[in-house]
Amino acid sequence: MLPFLLGDRLVARVDLKSDRTRGALLVQGAFAEPGIDVDYVAGELAEELGEIAGWLGLTQVVVAKRGDLANELAGSAQSG
């Protein structure tokens, strides 16, 4: 589980896996911390995951439906 810091605050956690065959960074689970602005955090996290995928030479980010942040993150990852 990878913590996601936004500024100086822990706002989410993600379970990541690289699938080099598919060229995808897999988000196996995305979990929000209590009291966050889910839409804002999902957008920021999607941007960061896109950068991570690029560093790894992957072309896409695929978000599974596990976790209370997954739906918003999937929407942000597709639009970003």
C-alpha atoms as a PDB file:
ATOM      1  CA  MET A   1       0.000   0.000   0.000  1.00  0.00           C
ATOM      2  CA  LEU A   2       1.458   3.314  -1.110  1.00  0.00           C
ATOM      3  CA  PRO A   3       0.476   6.448   0.815  1.00  0.00           C
ATOM      4  CA  PHE A   4      -0.386   9.552  -1.196  1.00  0.00           C
ATOM      5  CA  LEU A   5       0.603  12.853   0.369  1.00  0.00           C
ATOM      6  CA  LEU A   6      -0.909  16.091  -0.865  1.00  0.00           C
ATOM      7  CA  GLY A   7       0.991  18.963   0.634  1.00  0.00           C
ATOM      8  CA  ASP A   8       1.787  17.803   4.155  1.00  0.00           C
ATOM      9  CA  ARG A   9      -1.333  15.666   4.584  1.00  0.00           C
ATOM     10  CA  LEU A  10      -1.910  11.960   3.996  1.00  0.00           C
ATOM     11  CA  VAL A  11      -5.041  11.940   1.812  1.00  0.00           C
ATOM     12  CA  ALA A  12      -5.171   8.487   0.208  1.00  0.00           C
ATOM     13  CA  ARG A  13      -3.579   5.091  -0.168  1.00  0.00           C
ATOM     14  CA  VAL A  14      -3.229   3.034  -3.325  1.00  0.00           C
ATOM     15  CA  ASP A  15      -2.302  -0.556  -4.069  1.00  0.00           C
ATOM     16  CA  LEU A  16      -0.231  -0.523  -7.269  1.00  0.00           C
ATOM     17  CA  LYS A  17       1.128  -3.161  -9.608  1.00  0.00           C
ATOM     18  CA  SER A  18       2.969  -2.883 -12.904  1.00  0.00           C
ATOM     19  CA  ASP A  19       1.713  -5.029 -15.802  1.00  0.00           C
ATOM     20  CA  ARG A  20       4.440  -4.642 -18.401  1.00  0.00           C
ATOM     21  CA  THR A  21       2.754  -7.058 -20.820  1.00  0.00           C
ATOM     22  CA  ARG A  22      -0.258  -4.723 -21.061  1.00  0.00           C
ATOM     23  CA  GLY A  23       1.856  -1.607 -20.631  1.00  0.00           C
ATOM     24  CA  ALA A  24      -0.315  -0.626 -17.677  1.00  0.00           C
ATOM     25  CA  LEU A  25       0.031   0.644 -14.147  1.00  0.00           C
ATOM     26  CA  LEU A  26      -2.680  -1.238 -12.268  1.00  0.00           C
ATOM     27  CA  VAL A  27      -4.381   0.450  -9.337  1.00  0.00           C
ATOM     28  CA  GLN A  28      -5.703  -2.601  -7.530  1.00  0.00           C
ATOM     29  CA  GLY A  29      -7.295  -0.494  -4.802  1.00  0.00           C
ATOM     30  CA  ALA A  30      -7.697   3.196  -3.974  1.00  0.00           C
ATOM     31  CA  PHE A  31      -8.695   4.320  -0.492  1.00  0.00           C
ATOM     32  CA  ALA A  32      -9.452   7.843   0.737  1.00  0.00           C
ATOM     33  CA  GLU A  33      -8.551   9.108   4.177  1.00  0.00           C
ATOM     34  CA  PRO A  34     -11.426  10.568   6.218  1.00  0.00           C
ATOM     35  CA  GLY A  35     -12.440  14.174   5.644  1.00  0.00           C
ATOM     36  CA  ILE A  36     -10.881  14.761   2.235  1.00  0.00           C
ATOM     37  CA  ASP A  37     -12.356  16.366  -0.886  1.00  0.00           C
ATOM     38  CA  VAL A  38     -12.643  13.162  -2.919  1.00  0.00           C
ATOM     39  CA  ASP A  39     -12.983  14.819  -6.336  1.00  0.00           C
ATOM     40  CA  TYR A  40      -9.961  17.059  -5.794  1.00  0.00           C
ATOM     41  CA  VAL A  41      -7.785  14.260  -4.417  1.00  0.00           C
ATOM     42  CA  ALA A  42      -8.808  11.891  -7.230  1.00  0.00           C
ATOM     43  CA  GLY A  43      -7.742  14.458  -9.828  1.00  0.00           C
ATOM     44  CA  GLU A  44      -4.388  15.092  -8.168  1.00  0.00           C
ATOM     45  CA  LEU A  45      -3.763  11.378  -7.643  1.00  0.00           C
ATOM     46  CA  ALA A  46      -4.664  10.557 -11.261  1.00  0.00           C
ATOM     47  CA  GLU A  47      -2.110  13.109 -12.445  1.00  0.00           C
ATOM     48  CA  GLU A  48       0.579  11.644 -10.185  1.00  0.00           C
ATOM     49  CA  LEU A  49      -0.202   8.076 -11.270  1.00  0.00           C
ATOM     50  CA  GLY A  50       0.116   9.152 -14.900  1.00  0.00           C
ATOM     51  CA  GLU A  51       3.599  10.479 -14.145  1.00  0.00           C
ATOM     52  CA  ILE A  52       4.557   7.266 -12.347  1.00  0.00           C
ATOM     53  CA  ALA A  53       3.322   5.206 -15.297  1.00  0.00           C
ATOM     54  CA  GLY A  54       5.452   7.339 -17.628  1.00  0.00           C
ATOM     55  CA  TRP A  55       8.567   6.883 -15.490  1.00  0.00           C
ATOM     56  CA  LEU A  56       8.008   3.127 -15.660  1.00  0.00           C
ATOM     57  CA  GLY A  57       7.566   3.186 -19.427  1.00  0.00           C
ATOM     58  CA  LEU A  58       3.873   2.259 -19.177  1.00  0.00           C
ATOM     59  CA  THR A  59       1.232   3.793 -21.419  1.00  0.00           C
ATOM     60  CA  GLN A  60      -1.922   3.578 -19.316  1.00  0.00           C
ATOM     61  CA  VAL A  61      -3.343   3.606 -15.808  1.00  0.00           C
ATOM     62  CA  VAL A  62      -6.055   1.020 -15.108  1.00  0.00           C
ATOM     63  CA  VAL A  63      -8.138   1.436 -11.943  1.00  0.00           C
ATOM     64  CA  ALA A  64      -9.940  -1.544 -10.370  1.00  0.00           C
ATOM     65  CA  LYS A  65     -13.212  -1.007  -8.516  1.00  0.00           C
ATOM     66  CA  ARG A  66     -11.790  -1.782  -5.063  1.00  0.00           C
ATOM     67  CA  GLY A  67     -11.850   1.007  -2.473  1.00  0.00           C
ATOM     68  CA  ASP A  68     -13.889   4.095  -1.665  1.00  0.00           C
ATOM     69  CA  LEU A  69     -11.808   6.309  -3.990  1.00  0.00           C
ATOM     70  CA  ALA A  70     -11.793   3.942  -6.983  1.00  0.00           C
ATOM     71  CA  ASN A  71     -14.782   5.306  -8.924  1.00  0.00           C
ATOM     72  CA  GLU A  72     -13.660   8.938  -8.716  1.00  0.00           C
ATOM     73  CA  LEU A  73     -10.068   7.983  -9.508  1.00  0.00           C
ATOM     74  CA  ALA A  74     -11.121   5.941 -12.540  1.00  0.00           C
ATOM     75  CA  GLY A  75     -13.099   8.904 -13.867  1.00  0.00           C
ATOM     76  CA  SER A  76     -10.189  11.282 -13.318  1.00  0.00           C
ATOM     77  CA  ALA A  77      -7.669   8.873 -14.865  1.00  0.00           C
ATOM     78  CA  GLN A  78      -9.788   8.570 -18.027  1.00  0.00           C
ATOM     79  CA  SER A  79     -10.338  12.304 -18.398  1.00  0.00           C
ATOM     80  CA  GLY A  80      -6.730  13.190 -17.686  1.00  0.00           C
END
